[in-house]
PDB file of N, CA and C in Angstrom:
ATOM      1  N   UNK A   1       0.417  -0.785  -0.065  1.00  0.00           N
ATOM      2  CA  UNK A   1      -0.266  -0.409  -0.085  1.00  0.00           C
ATOM      3  C   UNK A   1       1.067   1.328  -0.048  1.00  0.00           C
ATOM      4  N   UNK A   2       2.040   1.395   0.583  1.00  0.00           N
ATOM      5  CA  UNK A   2       2.890   2.601   1.010  1.00  0.00           C
ATOM      6  C   UNK A   2       3.027   2.500  -0.565  1.00  0.00           C
ATOM      7  N   UNK A   3       3.722   1.392  -1.479  1.00  0.00           N
ATOM      8  CA  UNK A   3       4.464   2.201  -2.622  1.00  0.00           C
ATOM      9  C   UNK A   3       3.236   2.948  -3.596  1.00  0.00           C
ATOM     10  N   UNK A   4       1.946   2.115  -3.686  1.00  0.00           N
ATOM     11  CA  UNK A   4       1.165   2.649  -4.227  1.00  0.00           C
ATOM     12  C   UNK A   4       0.714   4.103  -3.985  1.00  0.00           C
ATOM     13  N   UNK A   5       0.830   4.357  -2.704  1.00  0.00           N
ATOM     14  CA  UNK A   5       0.420   5.926  -2.170  1.00  0.00           C
ATOM     15  C   UNK A   5       2.190   6.838  -2.944  1.00  0.00           C
ATOM     16  N   UNK A   6       3.112   6.277  -2.675  1.00  0.00           N
ATOM     17  CA  UNK A   6       4.171   6.785  -3.322  1.00  0.00           C
ATOM     18  C   UNK A   6       4.761   7.405  -4.619  1.00  0.00           C
ATOM     19  N   UNK A   7       3.504   5.994  -4.993  1.00  0.00           N
ATOM     20  CA  UNK A   7       3.694   6.035  -6.763  1.00  0.00           C
ATOM     21  C   UNK A   7       2.578   7.265  -7.297  1.00  0.00           C
ATOM     22  N   UNK A   8       1.486   7.197  -6.164  1.00  0.00           N
ATOM     23  CA  UNK A   8       0.769   8.424  -6.799  1.00  0.00           C
ATOM     24  C   UNK A   8       0.978   9.800  -6.291  1.00  0.00           C
ATOM     25  N   UNK A   9       1.662   9.740  -5.580  1.00  0.00           N
ATOM     26  CA  UNK A   9       2.654  11.057  -5.272  1.00  0.00           C
ATOM     27  C   UNK A   9       3.051  11.608  -6.201  1.00  0.00           C
ATOM     28  N   UNK A  10       4.147  10.559  -6.373  1.00  0.00           N
ATOM     29  CA  UNK A  10       5.305  11.145  -7.236  1.00  0.00           C
ATOM     30  C   UNK A  10       4.222  11.656  -8.493  1.00  0.00           C
ATOM     31  N   UNK A  11       3.175  10.830  -9.030  1.00  0.00           N
ATOM     32  CA  UNK A  11       2.807  11.135  -9.977  1.00  0.00           C
ATOM     33  C   UNK A  11       1.858  12.253 -10.493  1.00  0.00           C
ATOM     34  N   UNK A  12       1.632  13.069  -9.313  1.00  0.00           N
ATOM     35  CA  UNK A  12       0.914  13.605  -8.994  1.00  0.00           C
ATOM     36  C   UNK A  12       1.777  15.388  -9.304  1.00  0.00           C
ATOM     37  N   UNK A  13       2.898  15.185  -7.803  1.00  0.00           N
ATOM     38  CA  UNK A  13       3.874  16.209  -8.332  1.00  0.00           C
ATOM     39  C   UNK A  13       4.302  16.201  -9.769  1.00  0.00           C
ATOM     40  N   UNK A  14       4.934  14.615 -10.905  1.00  0.00           N
ATOM     41  CA  UNK A  14       5.166  15.269 -11.957  1.00  0.00           C
ATOM     42  C   UNK A  14       4.408  16.114 -12.460  1.00  0.00           C
ATOM     43  N   UNK A  15       3.139  15.620 -12.450  1.00  0.00           N
ATOM     44  CA  UNK A  15       1.994  16.558 -13.555  1.00  0.00           C
ATOM     45  C   UNK A  15       1.724  17.457 -13.258  1.00  0.00           C
ATOM     46  N   UNK A  16       2.733  17.879 -11.913  1.00  0.00           N
ATOM     47  CA  UNK A  16       2.158  19.415 -11.838  1.00  0.00           C
ATOM     48  C   UNK A  16       3.684  19.901 -12.180  1.00  0.00           C
ATOM     49  N   UNK A  17       5.264  19.415 -11.993  1.00  0.00           N
ATOM     50  CA  UNK A  17       6.071  20.112 -12.974  1.00  0.00           C
ATOM     51  C   UNK A  17       5.693  20.148 -13.830  1.00  0.00           C
ATOM     52  N   UNK A  18       5.673  19.518 -14.847  1.00  0.00           N
ATOM     53  CA  UNK A  18       5.578  19.377 -16.476  1.00  0.00           C
ATOM     54  C   UNK A  18       4.143  20.607 -16.642  1.00  0.00           C
ATOM     55  N   UNK A  19       3.154  21.297 -15.481  1.00  0.00           N
ATOM     56  CA  UNK A  19       2.001  22.214 -16.038  1.00  0.00           C
ATOM     57  C   UNK A  19       2.718  23.127 -15.817  1.00  0.00           C
ATOM     58  N   UNK A  20       3.584  23.069 -15.125  1.00  0.00           N
ATOM     59  CA  UNK A  20       4.548  24.853 -14.194  1.00  0.00           C
ATOM     60  C   UNK A  20       5.599  24.298 -15.240  1.00  0.00           C
ATOM     61  N   UNK A  21       6.699  24.045 -15.545  1.00  0.00           N
ATOM     62  CA  UNK A  21       7.463  23.927 -16.324  1.00  0.00           C
ATOM     63  C   UNK A  21       7.938  23.219 -16.919  1.00  0.00           C
ATOM     64  N   UNK A  22       8.042  22.516 -18.183  1.00  0.00           N
ATOM     65  CA  UNK A  22       7.352  21.248 -18.680  1.00  0.00           C
ATOM     66  C   UNK A  22       9.629  21.364 -19.869  1.00  0.00           C
ATOM     67  N   UNK A  23      10.075  22.132 -19.694  1.00  0.00           N
ATOM     68  CA  UNK A  23      11.081  22.213 -20.509  1.00  0.00           C
ATOM     69  C   UNK A  23      12.471  21.998 -19.181  1.00  0.00           C
ATOM     70  N   UNK A  24      12.003  21.898 -18.285  1.00  0.00           N
ATOM     71  CA  UNK A  24      12.539  21.986 -16.673  1.00  0.00           C
ATOM     72  C   UNK A  24      12.350  20.517 -16.245  1.00  0.00           C
ATOM     73  N   UNK A  25      11.219  20.102 -16.394  1.00  0.00           N
ATOM     74  CA  UNK A  25      10.301  18.842 -16.072  1.00  0.00           C
ATOM     75  C   UNK A  25      11.070  17.754 -16.560  1.00  0.00           C
ATOM     76  N   UNK A  26      11.183  17.750 -17.780  1.00  0.00           N
ATOM     77  CA  UNK A  26      11.959  17.606 -18.716  1.00  0.00           C
ATOM     78  C   UNK A  26      13.436  17.083 -18.508  1.00  0.00           C
ATOM     79  N   UNK A  27      14.527  18.236 -17.882  1.00  0.00           N
ATOM     80  CA  UNK A  27      15.657  18.318 -17.671  1.00  0.00           C
ATOM     81  C   UNK A  27      15.880  17.217 -16.101  1.00  0.00           C
ATOM     82  N   UNK A  28      14.722  17.282 -15.395  1.00  0.00           N
ATOM     83  CA  UNK A  28      14.861  16.654 -14.093  1.00  0.00           C
ATOM     84  C   UNK A  28      14.492  15.566 -14.130  1.00  0.00           C
ATOM     85  N   UNK A  29      13.475  14.837 -15.118  1.00  0.00           N
ATOM     86  CA  UNK A  29      13.487  13.667 -15.485  1.00  0.00           C
ATOM     87  C   UNK A  29      15.076  12.934 -15.892  1.00  0.00           C
ATOM     88  N   UNK A  30      15.560  13.245 -16.548  1.00  0.00           N
ATOM     89  CA  UNK A  30      16.947  12.865 -16.632  1.00  0.00           C
ATOM     90  C   UNK A  30      17.973  13.044 -15.694  1.00  0.00           C
ATOM     91  N   UNK A  31      17.758  14.175 -14.714  1.00  0.00           N
ATOM     92  CA  UNK A  31      18.688  13.998 -13.390  1.00  0.00           C
ATOM     93  C   UNK A  31      18.786  12.900 -12.679  1.00  0.00           C
ATOM     94  N   UNK A  32      17.676  13.017 -12.675  1.00  0.00           N
ATOM     95  CA  UNK A  32      16.422  11.699 -11.641  1.00  0.00           C
ATOM     96  C   UNK A  32      17.159  10.131 -11.724  1.00  0.00           C
ATOM     97  N   UNK A  33      16.953   9.789 -13.714  1.00  0.00           N
ATOM     98  CA  UNK A  33      17.841   8.976 -13.913  1.00  0.00           C
ATOM     99  C   UNK A  33      19.110   8.563 -14.001  1.00  0.00           C
ATOM    100  N   UNK A  34      20.060  10.124 -14.262  1.00  0.00           N
ATOM    101  CA  UNK A  34      20.997   9.861 -13.935  1.00  0.00           C
ATOM    102  C   UNK A  34      21.728   9.499 -12.879  1.00  0.00           C
ATOM    103  N   UNK A  35      20.784  10.030 -11.819  1.00  0.00           N
ATOM    104  CA  UNK A  35      20.938  10.108 -10.347  1.00  0.00           C
ATOM    105  C   UNK A  35      21.071   9.139  -9.617  1.00  0.00           C
ATOM    106  N   UNK A  36      20.114   8.441  -9.883  1.00  0.00           N
ATOM    107  CA  UNK A  36      19.699   7.197  -9.377  1.00  0.00           C
ATOM    108  C   UNK A  36      20.637   6.217 -10.022  1.00  0.00           C
ATOM    109  N   UNK A  37      21.640   5.935 -10.828  1.00  0.00           N
ATOM    110  CA  UNK A  37      22.501   5.048 -10.529  1.00  0.00           C
ATOM    111  C   UNK A  37      24.163   5.663 -10.058  1.00  0.00           C
ATOM    112  N   UNK A  38      24.148   6.735  -9.539  1.00  0.00           N
ATOM    113  CA  UNK A  38      25.602   7.372  -9.028  1.00  0.00           C
ATOM    114  C   UNK A  38      25.626   6.832  -7.970  1.00  0.00           C
ATOM    115  N   UNK A  39      26.365   6.551  -7.713  1.00  0.00           N
ATOM    116  CA  UNK A  39      26.411   6.115  -6.245  1.00  0.00           C
ATOM    117  C   UNK A  39      26.170   7.378  -4.789  1.00  0.00           C
ATOM    118  N   UNK A  40      26.203   8.150  -5.287  1.00  0.00           N
ATOM    119  CA  UNK A  40      26.116   9.394  -3.822  1.00  0.00           C
ATOM    120  C   UNK A  40      24.613  10.295  -4.587  1.00  0.00           C
ATOM    121  N   UNK A  41      23.576   9.766  -5.278  1.00  0.00           N
ATOM    122  CA  UNK A  41      22.330  10.142  -5.618  1.00  0.00           C
ATOM    123  C   UNK A  41      21.601  10.953  -4.756  1.00  0.00           C
ATOM    124  N   UNK A  42      21.552  11.136  -3.197  1.00  0.00           N
ATOM    125  CA  UNK A  42      21.395  11.805  -2.160  1.00  0.00           C
ATOM    126  C   UNK A  42      21.947  13.447  -2.165  1.00  0.00           C
ATOM    127  N   UNK A  43      22.774  13.430  -2.927  1.00  0.00           N
ATOM    128  CA  UNK A  43      23.883  14.672  -2.718  1.00  0.00           C
ATOM    129  C   UNK A  43      23.850  15.446  -3.939  1.00  0.00           C
ATOM    130  N   UNK A  44      23.467  14.155  -5.002  1.00  0.00           N
ATOM    131  CA  UNK A  44      24.183  15.196  -6.447  1.00  0.00           C
ATOM    132  C   UNK A  44      22.292  15.577  -6.698  1.00  0.00           C
ATOM    133  N   UNK A  45      21.259  15.076  -6.507  1.00  0.00           N
ATOM    134  CA  UNK A  45      19.861  15.373  -6.678  1.00  0.00           C
ATOM    135  C   UNK A  45      19.976  16.934  -6.267  1.00  0.00           C
ATOM    136  N   UNK A  46      19.614  17.594  -4.922  1.00  0.00           N
ATOM    137  CA  UNK A  46      19.716  18.606  -4.723  1.00  0.00           C
ATOM    138  C   UNK A  46      21.178  19.519  -5.357  1.00  0.00           C
ATOM    139  N   UNK A  47      22.141  19.319  -5.506  1.00  0.00           N
ATOM    140  CA  UNK A  47      23.101  20.219  -6.130  1.00  0.00           C
ATOM    141  C   UNK A  47      22.523  20.329  -8.124  1.00  0.00           C
ATOM    142  N   UNK A  48      22.430  19.496  -8.532  1.00  0.00           N
ATOM    143  CA  UNK A  48      21.753  19.063 -10.053  1.00  0.00           C
ATOM    144  C   UNK A  48      20.059  19.600  -9.945  1.00  0.00           C
ATOM    145  N   UNK A  49      19.419  20.289  -8.896  1.00  0.00           N
ATOM    146  CA  UNK A  49      18.346  20.595  -9.490  1.00  0.00           C
ATOM    147  C   UNK A  49      18.802  22.236  -9.171  1.00  0.00           C
ATOM    148  N   UNK A  50      19.849  22.812  -8.546  1.00  0.00           N
ATOM    149  CA  UNK A  50      19.906  24.021  -8.744  1.00  0.00           C
ATOM    150  C   UNK A  50      20.962  24.342  -9.743  1.00  0.00           C
ATOM    151  N   UNK A  51      21.714  23.650 -10.142  1.00  0.00           N
ATOM    152  CA  UNK A  51      21.982  23.589 -11.500  1.00  0.00           C
ATOM    153  C   UNK A  51      21.172  23.911 -12.873  1.00  0.00           C
ATOM    154  N   UNK A  52      20.733  22.970 -12.688  1.00  0.00           N
ATOM    155  CA  UNK A  52      19.604  22.627 -13.542  1.00  0.00           C
ATOM    156  C   UNK A  52      18.701  23.991 -13.574  1.00  0.00           C
ATOM    157  N   UNK A  53      17.945  24.181 -12.429  1.00  0.00           N
ATOM    158  CA  UNK A  53      17.038  25.814 -12.472  1.00  0.00           C
ATOM    159  C   UNK A  53      17.649  26.822 -12.914  1.00  0.00           C
ATOM    160  N   UNK A  54      19.168  26.955 -12.629  1.00  0.00           N
ATOM    161  CA  UNK A  54      19.639  28.450 -12.756  1.00  0.00           C
ATOM    162  C   UNK A  54      20.217  28.192 -14.045  1.00  0.00           C
ATOM    163  N   UNK A  55      20.885  27.208 -14.642  1.00  0.00           N
ATOM    164  CA  UNK A  55      21.195  27.479 -15.885  1.00  0.00           C
ATOM    165  C   UNK A  55      19.744  27.528 -17.060  1.00  0.00           C
ATOM    166  N   UNK A  56      18.726  27.009 -16.455  1.00  0.00           N
ATOM    167  CA  UNK A  56      17.791  27.205 -17.308  1.00  0.00           C
ATOM    168  C   UNK A  56      17.067  28.810 -17.288  1.00  0.00           C
ATOM    169  N   UNK A  57      16.757  29.192 -16.510  1.00  0.00           N
ATOM    170  CA  UNK A  57      17.264  30.685 -15.769  1.00  0.00           C
ATOM    171  C   UNK A  57      17.583  31.691 -16.920  1.00  0.00           C
ATOM    172  N   UNK A  58      18.953  31.041 -17.134  1.00  0.00           N
ATOM    173  CA  UNK A  58      19.553  32.091 -17.781  1.00  0.00           C
ATOM    174  C   UNK A  58      19.373  32.167 -19.205  1.00  0.00           C
ATOM    175  N   UNK A  59      19.410  30.599 -19.521  1.00  0.00           N
ATOM    176  CA  UNK A  59      18.993  30.443 -21.334  1.00  0.00           C
ATOM    177  C   UNK A  59      17.706  30.904 -21.699  1.00  0.00           C
ATOM    178  N   UNK A  60      15.988  31.107 -20.447  1.00  0.00           N
ATOM    179  CA  UNK A  60      15.821  31.407 -21.429  1.00  0.00           C
ATOM    180  C   UNK A  60      15.117  32.063 -22.384  1.00  0.00           C
ATOM    181  N   UNK A  61      15.706  33.348 -21.679  1.00  0.00           N
ATOM    182  CA  UNK A  61      16.540  34.718 -22.668  1.00  0.00           C
ATOM    183  C   UNK A  61      16.263  34.751 -23.874  1.00  0.00           C
ATOM    184  N   UNK A  62      17.466  33.953 -24.209  1.00  0.00           N
ATOM    185  CA  UNK A  62      18.171  33.501 -25.620  1.00  0.00           C
ATOM    186  C   UNK A  62      17.036  32.754 -26.185  1.00  0.00           C
ATOM    187  N   UNK A  63      15.961  31.853 -25.799  1.00  0.00           N
ATOM    188  CA  UNK A  63      15.453  31.229 -26.576  1.00  0.00           C
ATOM    189  C   UNK A  63      13.620  31.909 -26.177  1.00  0.00           C
ATOM    190  N   UNK A  64      13.480  33.148 -26.032  1.00  0.00           N
ATOM    191  CA  UNK A  64      12.363  33.814 -25.655  1.00  0.00           C
ATOM    192  C   UNK A  64      11.565  33.008 -25.163  1.00  0.00           C
ATOM    193  N   UNK A  65      11.574  32.206 -24.242  1.00  0.00           N
ATOM    194  CA  UNK A  65      11.027  31.979 -22.752  1.00  0.00           C
ATOM    195  C   UNK A  65      10.406  33.274 -21.830  1.00  0.00           C
ATOM    196  N   UNK A  66      11.288  33.917 -21.552  1.00  0.00           N
ATOM    197  CA  UNK A  66      11.267  34.985 -20.520  1.00  0.00           C
ATOM    198  C   UNK A  66      11.794  36.209 -21.549  1.00  0.00           C
ATOM    199  N   UNK A  67      11.887  37.275 -20.611  1.00  0.00           N
ATOM    200  CA  UNK A  67      12.889  38.646 -20.915  1.00  0.00           C
ATOM    201  C   UNK A  67      13.352  38.581 -20.611  1.00  0.00           C
ATOM    202  N   UNK A  68      13.516  38.104 -19.259  1.00  0.00           N
ATOM    203  CA  UNK A  68      15.280  38.486 -18.402  1.00  0.00           C
ATOM    204  C   UNK A  68      15.068  37.585 -17.468  1.00  0.00           C
ATOM    205  N   UNK A  69      16.041  36.889 -16.945  1.00  0.00           N
ATOM    206  CA  UNK A  69      16.348  36.184 -14.899  1.00  0.00           C
ATOM    207  C   UNK A  69      15.651  36.883 -14.412  1.00  0.00           C
ATOM    208  N   UNK A  70      15.189  35.975 -13.828  1.00  0.00           N
ATOM    209  CA  UNK A  70      14.496  36.498 -12.241  1.00  0.00           C
ATOM    210  C   UNK A  70      14.213  35.568 -11.443  1.00  0.00           C
ATOM    211  N   UNK A  71      14.006  35.923  -9.833  1.00  0.00           N
ATOM    212  CA  UNK A  71      14.343  35.184  -8.748  1.00  0.00           C
ATOM    213  C   UNK A  71      12.373  34.165  -9.316  1.00  0.00           C
ATOM    214  N   UNK A  72      12.263  34.535  -9.203  1.00  0.00           N
ATOM    215  CA  UNK A  72      10.349  34.181  -9.155  1.00  0.00           C
ATOM    216  C   UNK A  72      10.243  32.932 -10.434  1.00  0.00           C
ATOM    217  N   UNK A  73      11.227  32.832 -11.395  1.00  0.00           N
ATOM    218  CA  UNK A  73      11.302  31.699 -12.482  1.00  0.00           C
ATOM    219  C   UNK A  73      11.925  31.040 -11.785  1.00  0.00           C
ATOM    220  N   UNK A  74      13.540  31.236 -11.226  1.00  0.00           N
ATOM    221  CA  UNK A  74      13.864  30.433 -10.527  1.00  0.00           C
ATOM    222  C   UNK A  74      13.777  29.276  -9.649  1.00  0.00           C
ATOM    223  N   UNK A  75      13.228  29.717  -8.750  1.00  0.00           N
ATOM    224  CA  UNK A  75      12.463  29.629  -7.852  1.00  0.00           C
ATOM    225  C   UNK A  75      11.276  28.455  -8.224  1.00  0.00           C
ATOM    226  N   UNK A  76      10.593  28.710  -9.340  1.00  0.00           N
ATOM    227  CA  UNK A  76       9.178  27.713  -9.630  1.00  0.00           C
ATOM    228  C   UNK A  76      10.009  26.582 -10.960  1.00  0.00           C
ATOM    229  N   UNK A  77      11.517  27.048 -10.760  1.00  0.00           N
ATOM    230  CA  UNK A  77      12.120  25.984 -11.551  1.00  0.00           C
ATOM    231  C   UNK A  77      12.621  25.331 -10.873  1.00  0.00           C
ATOM    232  N   UNK A  78      12.936  25.216  -9.676  1.00  0.00           N
ATOM    233  CA  UNK A  78      13.435  24.357  -8.541  1.00  0.00           C
ATOM    234  C   UNK A  78      12.121  23.402  -8.159  1.00  0.00           C
ATOM    235  N   UNK A  79      10.774  24.174  -8.049  1.00  0.00           N
ATOM    236  CA  UNK A  79       9.588  23.147  -8.365  1.00  0.00           C
ATOM    237  C   UNK A  79       9.976  21.973  -9.363  1.00  0.00           C
ATOM    238  N   UNK A  80       9.303  22.304 -10.317  1.00  0.00           N
ATOM    239  CA  UNK A  80       9.653  21.665 -11.397  1.00  0.00           C
ATOM    240  C   UNK A  80      11.113  20.771 -11.360  1.00  0.00           C
ATOM    241  N   UNK A  81      11.776  21.180 -11.421  1.00  0.00           N
ATOM    242  CA  UNK A  81      13.369  20.033 -11.308  1.00  0.00           C
ATOM    243  C   UNK A  81      13.299  19.272 -10.196  1.00  0.00           C
ATOM    244  N   UNK A  82      12.739  19.888  -8.990  1.00  0.00           N
ATOM    245  CA  UNK A  82      12.950  19.041  -8.046  1.00  0.00           C
ATOM    246  C   UNK A  82      11.740  17.932  -7.970  1.00  0.00           C
ATOM    247  N   UNK A  83      10.859  18.542  -8.393  1.00  0.00           N
ATOM    248  CA  UNK A  83       9.589  17.240  -8.108  1.00  0.00           C
ATOM    249  C   UNK A  83      10.009  16.492  -9.286  1.00  0.00           C
ATOM    250  N   UNK A  84      10.612  16.441 -10.457  1.00  0.00           N
ATOM    251  CA  UNK A  84      10.230  15.329 -11.400  1.00  0.00           C
ATOM    252  C   UNK A  84      11.900  14.573 -11.072  1.00  0.00           C
ATOM    253  N   UNK A  85      12.689  15.169 -10.588  1.00  0.00           N
ATOM    254  CA  UNK A  85      14.063  14.782 -10.288  1.00  0.00           C
ATOM    255  C   UNK A  85      13.980  13.355  -8.453  1.00  0.00           C
ATOM    256  N   UNK A  86      13.459  13.928  -7.625  1.00  0.00           N
ATOM    257  CA  UNK A  86      13.691  13.328  -7.001  1.00  0.00           C
ATOM    258  C   UNK A  86      12.014  12.188  -6.668  1.00  0.00           C
ATOM    259  N   UNK A  87      11.649  12.468  -7.812  1.00  0.00           N
ATOM    260  CA  UNK A  87       9.721  12.016  -7.321  1.00  0.00           C
ATOM    261  C   UNK A  87      10.525  10.524  -8.355  1.00  0.00           C
ATOM    262  N   UNK A  88      10.932  10.600  -9.544  1.00  0.00           N
ATOM    263  CA  UNK A  88      11.559   9.645 -10.060  1.00  0.00           C
ATOM    264  C   UNK A  88      12.649   8.710  -9.408  1.00  0.00           C
ATOM    265  N   UNK A  89      13.554   9.197  -9.050  1.00  0.00           N
ATOM    266  CA  UNK A  89      14.678   8.531  -8.203  1.00  0.00           C
ATOM    267  C   UNK A  89      14.123   7.909  -7.158  1.00  0.00           C
ATOM    268  N   UNK A  90      12.902   8.400  -6.279  1.00  0.00           N
ATOM    269  CA  UNK A  90      12.957   7.892  -5.196  1.00  0.00           C
ATOM    270  C   UNK A  90      11.551   6.558  -5.152  1.00  0.00           C
ATOM    271  N   UNK A  91      11.162   6.736  -6.873  1.00  0.00           N
ATOM    272  CA  UNK A  91      10.133   5.861  -7.552  1.00  0.00           C
ATOM    273  C   UNK A  91      10.923   4.810  -7.598  1.00  0.00           C
ATOM    274  N   UNK A  92      12.003   4.767  -8.428  1.00  0.00           N
ATOM    275  CA  UNK A  92      13.179   4.137  -9.157  1.00  0.00           C
ATOM    276  C   UNK A  92      13.772   2.682  -7.904  1.00  0.00           C
ATOM    277  N   UNK A  93      13.968   3.983  -6.755  1.00  0.00           N
ATOM    278  CA  UNK A  93      14.952   3.175  -5.149  1.00  0.00           C
ATOM    279  C   UNK A  93      13.587   2.240  -4.933  1.00  0.00           C
ATOM    280  N   UNK A  94      11.968   2.840  -5.221  1.00  0.00           N
ATOM    281  CA  UNK A  94      10.961   1.848  -3.814  1.00  0.00           C
ATOM    282  C   UNK A  94      10.841   0.466  -5.077  1.00  0.00           C
ATOM    283  N   UNK A  95      10.904   0.846  -6.323  1.00  0.00           N
ATOM    284  CA  UNK A  95      10.553  -0.749  -7.566  1.00  0.00           C
ATOM    285  C   UNK A  95      11.484  -1.486  -7.007  1.00  0.00           C
ATOM    286  N   UNK A  96      12.926  -0.615  -7.112  1.00  0.00           N
ATOM    287  CA  UNK A  96      14.092  -1.822  -6.836  1.00  0.00           C
ATOM    288  C   UNK A  96      13.882  -2.576  -5.559  1.00  0.00           C
ATOM    289  N   UNK A  97      13.366  -1.982  -4.784  1.00  0.00           N
ATOM    290  CA  UNK A  97      13.797  -2.524  -3.143  1.00  0.00           C
ATOM    291  C   UNK A  97      12.114  -3.486  -3.167  1.00  0.00           C
ATOM    292  N   UNK A  98      11.302  -3.560  -3.879  1.00  0.00           N
ATOM    293  CA  UNK A  98       9.795  -4.188  -3.955  1.00  0.00           C
ATOM    294  C   UNK A  98      10.343  -5.408  -4.734  1.00  0.00           C
ATOM    295  N   UNK A  99      10.925  -5.371  -5.828  1.00  0.00           N
ATOM    296  CA  UNK A  99      11.399  -6.355  -6.940  1.00  0.00           C
ATOM    297  C   UNK A  99      12.486  -7.231  -6.181  1.00  0.00           C
TER     298      UNK A  99
END
């Protein structure tokens, strides 16, 4: 039962992140998959979330998604990246433990 609840929560977080900012959510998915197979995933997820969100905030004006970098864009990007990366990381870990 706990596994099903965690999967439902992870799915809800991922859907919210994709609605909020889909490019960063995709980057968060990639980060979650990569960090799952690194030895120190619990340390690299937070660092990767900050790096991906910051890099996207600096690159978005070049792609025309925003006019300039600002804190609230970075803050919402943190949610989008962390919501997908950590959810996928934890879901893969729980699935691996369950099998």
